[in-house]
Amino acid sequence: MSEYQYYEFLALDRPLTEKQRAELRSISTRAEITATRFVNEYQWGDLKGDPRKMMERYFDAFLYLANWGTRQVMLRLPRGVLDLETAAQYCGTETASLTETDSHLILRLYVDREPDDDWDEPGGQLAAMIQARSELAAGDLRLLYLAWLLALQCDEVDDEDTEPPVPAGLGKLSASHSRRLRAGRRPSCGRRPIIAGPGGRRPPNSAGARPSPAGPQLRRPPTPSTSTSSPPGRRRPGSGRRS
């Protein structure tokens, strides 16, 4: 199977200026760049820029797909729209993390799933997830809770950590949440899928379930990372660099 990587960025809150588009063109000579979108794909090599820095500077949404199973989504929201302390209760793992800038919070969702033959051709996936950003801005935390469950499934949550608050409405997910769940199916972390019961929690006797933590106290939110992440995909040995 040949290597394939797909990068897509969207500017939602304001269009890119001509100067910004020129700066992006210096990152990639082959990318499709408009006032609202940056798209490039690679069958050899990798993106020259750092996706997180590009999000900090230019964009509000990001999608990365690789045909060996890596998936990554980033959503940028203005400070004050998404409360840092609230969001941090669900984040702080490789699967779900936060980056804080002077003006924004960036939510990063990451999963390595097992490669399969059910490969969806890129195009339209990120647009279908944009609703989740609007829902987060409106105080809907279902996406964060689903990401926390996936981190739990991948053994990224300590046994002594307390489950964060369960948002209402988990029994009726929007299309953007369903899209995110499909993107994270069959993660390669070796755990069986979490079976959610009423309210989103796992039944006590379900496979891989832990006893529910007692009491309403929440664990102290982790300090959000402000460092720049490594490139989203696993770099294959011998891969070159091509913009």
Protein backbone atom coordinates (compact mmCIF):
# COMPACT_ATOMS: atom_id res chain seq x y z
CA MET A 1 0.00 0.00 0.00
CA SER A 2 1.47 3.35 -1.01
CA GLU A 3 1.73 6.18 1.49
CA TYR A 4 -0.96 8.89 1.41
CA GLN A 5 -1.43 11.96 3.62
CA TYR A 6 -4.13 14.62 3.47
CA TYR A 7 -4.03 18.08 5.10
CA GLU A 8 -6.96 20.50 5.18
CA PHE A 9 -7.29 23.81 7.03
CA LEU A 10 -10.31 26.14 7.16
CA ALA A 11 -10.52 29.84 8.11
CA LEU A 12 -14.03 30.28 9.52
CA ASP A 13 -14.17 33.46 11.60
CA ARG A 14 -12.45 35.71 9.06
CA PRO A 15 -10.97 35.20 5.58
CA LEU A 16 -7.25 35.09 4.98
CA THR A 17 -5.68 38.29 3.77
CA GLU A 18 -3.61 38.47 0.60
CA LYS A 19 -0.48 38.76 2.75
CA GLN A 20 -1.43 35.65 4.73
CA ARG A 21 -2.06 33.67 1.56
CA ALA A 22 1.38 34.67 0.31
CA GLU A 23 2.91 33.48 3.59
CA LEU A 24 1.12 30.15 3.20
CA ARG A 25 2.30 29.85 -0.38
CA SER A 26 5.86 29.98 0.94
CA ILE A 27 5.03 26.86 2.98
CA SER A 28 3.68 24.94 -0.01
CA THR A 29 3.92 25.65 -3.70
CA ARG A 30 1.43 22.91 -4.60
CA ALA A 31 -1.37 23.47 -2.10
CA GLU A 32 -4.83 24.72 -3.02
CA ILE A 33 -5.02 28.05 -1.18
CA THR A 34 -8.07 30.33 -1.10
CA ALA A 35 -9.30 33.01 1.28
CA THR A 36 -10.87 30.33 3.48
CA ARG A 37 -9.08 27.05 2.74
CA PHE A 38 -5.66 25.37 2.50
CA VAL A 39 -5.58 21.80 1.13
CA ASN A 40 -2.69 19.58 0.14
CA GLU A 41 -2.06 15.87 -0.21
CA TYR A 42 1.13 13.84 -0.31
CA GLN A 43 1.99 10.45 -1.65
CA TRP A 44 5.62 11.07 -0.84
CA GLY A 45 7.11 13.57 1.61
CA ASP A 46 5.28 15.74 4.11
CA LEU A 47 3.97 19.25 4.81
CA LYS A 48 6.79 21.72 5.39
CA GLY A 49 4.87 23.76 7.97
CA ASP A 50 3.84 22.87 11.52
CA PRO A 51 0.03 22.37 11.61
CA ARG A 52 -0.31 23.67 15.16
CA LYS A 53 1.59 26.87 14.37
CA MET A 54 -0.54 27.30 11.24
CA MET A 55 -3.64 26.95 13.42
CA GLU A 56 -2.34 29.49 15.91
CA ARG A 57 -1.66 32.01 13.15
CA TYR A 58 -4.21 31.47 10.38
CA PHE A 59 -6.97 28.87 10.78
CA ASP A 60 -9.94 27.73 12.87
CA ALA A 61 -10.21 24.06 11.87
CA PHE A 62 -7.78 21.37 10.72
CA LEU A 63 -8.05 17.78 9.51
CA TYR A 64 -5.20 15.32 8.93
CA LEU A 65 -5.72 11.85 7.44
CA ALA A 66 -3.13 9.16 6.66
CA ASN A 67 -3.90 5.84 5.04
CA TRP A 68 -1.88 3.98 7.69
CA GLY A 69 -4.52 4.95 10.27
CA THR A 70 -3.57 8.30 11.83
CA ARG A 71 -6.38 10.85 12.24
CA GLN A 72 -6.10 14.33 13.72
CA VAL A 73 -8.57 17.21 14.13
CA MET A 74 -7.88 20.64 15.61
CA LEU A 75 -10.52 23.27 16.39
CA ARG A 76 -9.63 26.84 17.40
CA LEU A 77 -12.04 28.92 19.47
CA PRO A 78 -11.70 32.46 20.83
CA ARG A 79 -10.76 32.81 24.48
CA GLY A 80 -13.87 33.27 26.59
CA VAL A 81 -16.04 31.16 24.28
CA LEU A 82 -14.70 27.86 25.62
CA ASP A 83 -13.80 27.95 29.31
CA LEU A 84 -10.26 26.67 29.85
CA GLU A 85 -10.83 25.13 33.27
CA THR A 86 -13.98 23.34 32.12
CA ALA A 87 -12.41 22.00 28.94
CA ALA A 88 -9.26 20.88 30.78
CA GLN A 89 -11.32 18.38 32.80
CA TYR A 90 -11.71 16.33 29.60
CA CYS A 91 -8.31 17.00 28.04
CA GLY A 92 -4.70 16.34 28.98
CA THR A 93 -4.00 13.14 27.04
CA GLU A 94 -2.53 12.27 23.66
CA THR A 95 -6.07 11.73 22.39
CA ALA A 96 -7.42 15.09 23.57
CA SER A 97 -5.25 18.09 24.44
CA LEU A 98 -5.45 21.88 24.62
CA THR A 99 -3.12 24.65 23.53
CA GLU A 100 -3.64 28.12 24.96
CA THR A 101 -2.62 31.24 23.04
CA ASP A 102 -3.14 34.92 23.85
CA SER A 103 -6.42 35.02 21.94
CA HIS A 104 -7.58 31.43 21.44
CA LEU A 105 -7.87 27.89 22.75
CA ILE A 106 -6.99 25.09 20.32
CA LEU A 107 -8.50 21.67 20.91
CA ARG A 108 -6.50 18.80 19.39
CA LEU A 109 -8.06 15.36 18.90
CA TYR A 110 -5.76 12.54 17.80
CA VAL A 111 -6.15 8.83 17.17
CA ASP A 112 -4.12 6.05 15.57
CA ARG A 113 -6.58 3.47 14.29
CA GLU A 114 -5.88 0.20 12.59
CA PRO A 115 -5.61 0.48 8.80
CA ASP A 116 -8.41 -1.20 6.89
CA ASP A 117 -9.82 -1.47 3.41
CA ASP A 118 -12.68 0.91 4.24
CA TRP A 119 -10.75 4.02 3.17
CA ASP A 120 -12.88 7.10 2.54
CA GLU A 121 -11.53 9.41 -0.13
CA PRO A 122 -10.77 12.78 1.53
CA GLY A 123 -13.17 15.60 0.81
CA GLY A 124 -16.00 16.99 2.91
CA GLN A 125 -15.03 15.36 6.21
CA LEU A 126 -13.82 18.57 7.85
CA ALA A 127 -16.84 20.58 6.70
CA ALA A 128 -19.06 17.92 8.31
CA MET A 129 -17.22 18.39 11.64
CA ILE A 130 -17.54 22.17 11.77
CA GLN A 131 -20.88 21.91 13.57
CA ALA A 132 -19.01 20.47 16.56
CA ARG A 133 -17.01 23.70 16.82
CA SER A 134 -20.21 25.76 16.92
CA GLU A 135 -21.66 23.41 19.51
CA LEU A 136 -18.55 23.76 21.69
CA ALA A 137 -18.79 27.53 21.44
CA ALA A 138 -22.41 27.26 22.62
CA GLY A 139 -21.39 25.23 25.68
CA ASP A 140 -22.08 21.72 24.33
CA LEU A 141 -19.33 19.50 25.77
CA ARG A 142 -20.35 16.17 24.23
CA LEU A 143 -17.37 16.16 21.87
CA LEU A 144 -14.96 16.58 24.79
CA TYR A 145 -16.60 13.76 26.73
CA LEU A 146 -16.44 11.42 23.73
CA ALA A 147 -12.74 12.26 23.37
CA TRP A 148 -12.23 11.51 27.07
CA LEU A 149 -13.92 8.12 26.63
CA LEU A 150 -11.59 7.32 23.74
CA ALA A 151 -8.57 8.29 25.85
CA LEU A 152 -9.91 6.00 28.59
CA GLN A 153 -10.22 3.17 26.08
CA CYS A 154 -6.59 3.73 25.07
CA ASP A 155 -5.36 3.55 28.69
CA GLU A 156 -4.38 7.23 28.73
CA VAL A 157 -6.49 7.97 31.84
CA ASP A 158 -5.18 6.93 35.25
CA ASP A 159 -7.36 4.64 37.37
CA GLU A 160 -7.44 7.18 40.19
CA ASP A 161 -8.66 10.00 37.95
CA THR A 162 -12.27 11.03 38.41
CA GLU A 163 -14.67 10.92 35.49
CA PRO A 164 -15.49 14.44 34.24
CA PRO A 165 -19.11 15.62 34.17
CA VAL A 166 -21.29 13.77 31.68
CA PRO A 167 -22.94 16.26 29.29
CA ALA A 168 -26.62 15.98 28.50
CA GLY A 169 -27.71 14.70 25.11
CA LEU A 170 -25.25 11.84 24.60
CA GLY A 171 -28.10 9.64 23.47
CA LYS A 172 -28.78 11.91 20.51
CA LEU A 173 -25.49 12.79 18.81
CA SER A 174 -25.25 15.30 16.00
CA ALA A 175 -23.81 14.40 12.60
CA SER A 176 -20.49 16.02 13.54
CA HIS A 177 -20.18 13.86 16.66
CA SER A 178 -21.07 10.73 14.71
CA ARG A 179 -18.42 11.63 12.13
CA ARG A 180 -15.84 11.95 14.89
CA LEU A 181 -16.83 8.58 16.36
CA ARG A 182 -16.41 6.89 12.99
CA ALA A 183 -12.99 8.49 12.60
CA GLY A 184 -11.90 6.98 15.92
CA ARG A 185 -13.30 3.48 15.50
CA ARG A 186 -10.94 0.55 16.02
CA PRO A 187 -8.07 2.52 17.62
CA SER A 188 -4.79 0.63 17.70
CA CYS A 189 -4.36 0.98 21.45
CA GLY A 190 -5.36 -2.61 22.11
CA ARG A 191 -8.51 -2.10 24.18
CA ARG A 192 -12.00 -3.29 23.33
CA PRO A 193 -14.52 -0.52 22.51
CA ILE A 194 -16.25 1.13 25.46
CA ILE A 195 -19.93 0.24 25.59
CA ALA A 196 -21.88 3.25 26.77
CA GLY A 197 -24.99 2.84 28.87
CA PRO A 198 -27.71 5.39 29.70
CA GLY A 199 -26.27 8.85 30.10
CA GLY A 200 -23.10 7.87 28.28
CA ARG A 201 -21.46 5.88 31.09
CA ARG A 202 -20.43 2.28 30.63
CA PRO A 203 -22.55 -0.36 32.37
CA PRO A 204 -20.68 -1.69 35.44
CA ASN A 205 -20.33 -5.19 33.94
CA SER A 206 -19.34 -4.17 30.42
CA ALA A 207 -16.04 -5.36 28.99
CA GLY A 208 -13.11 -3.35 30.26
CA ALA A 209 -15.29 -1.28 32.60
CA ARG A 210 -13.93 0.24 35.78
CA PRO A 211 -16.03 0.97 38.86
CA SER A 212 -17.48 4.48 38.63
CA PRO A 213 -15.62 6.90 40.91
CA ALA A 214 -17.54 7.82 44.01
CA GLY A 215 -18.49 11.32 44.89
CA PRO A 216 -18.94 14.48 42.82
CA GLN A 217 -15.41 15.78 43.23
CA LEU A 218 -13.48 16.34 40.02
CA ARG A 219 -9.79 15.78 39.53
CA ARG A 220 -7.71 18.90 39.23
CA PRO A 221 -7.54 19.95 35.57
CA PRO A 222 -4.14 19.41 33.96
CA THR A 223 -2.17 22.42 32.92
CA PRO A 224 -2.75 22.94 29.18
CA SER A 225 0.31 22.51 27.03
CA THR A 226 1.62 25.58 25.27
CA SER A 227 4.37 23.77 23.44
CA THR A 228 4.32 22.95 19.77
CA SER A 229 3.41 19.39 18.87
CA SER A 230 5.29 17.08 16.59
CA PRO A 231 3.98 16.57 13.05
CA PRO A 232 0.62 14.78 13.09
CA GLY A 233 1.49 11.65 11.15
CA ARG A 234 3.93 8.88 11.79
CA ARG A 235 6.84 9.63 9.48
CA ARG A 236 7.67 6.55 7.45
CA PRO A 237 11.33 5.53 7.25
CA GLY A 238 12.94 7.00 4.16
CA SER A 239 10.19 9.56 3.59
CA GLY A 240 11.49 12.73 2.06
CA ARG A 241 10.11 16.23 2.35
CA ARG A 242 8.03 17.84 -0.30
CA SER A 243 5.91 20.95 -0.05
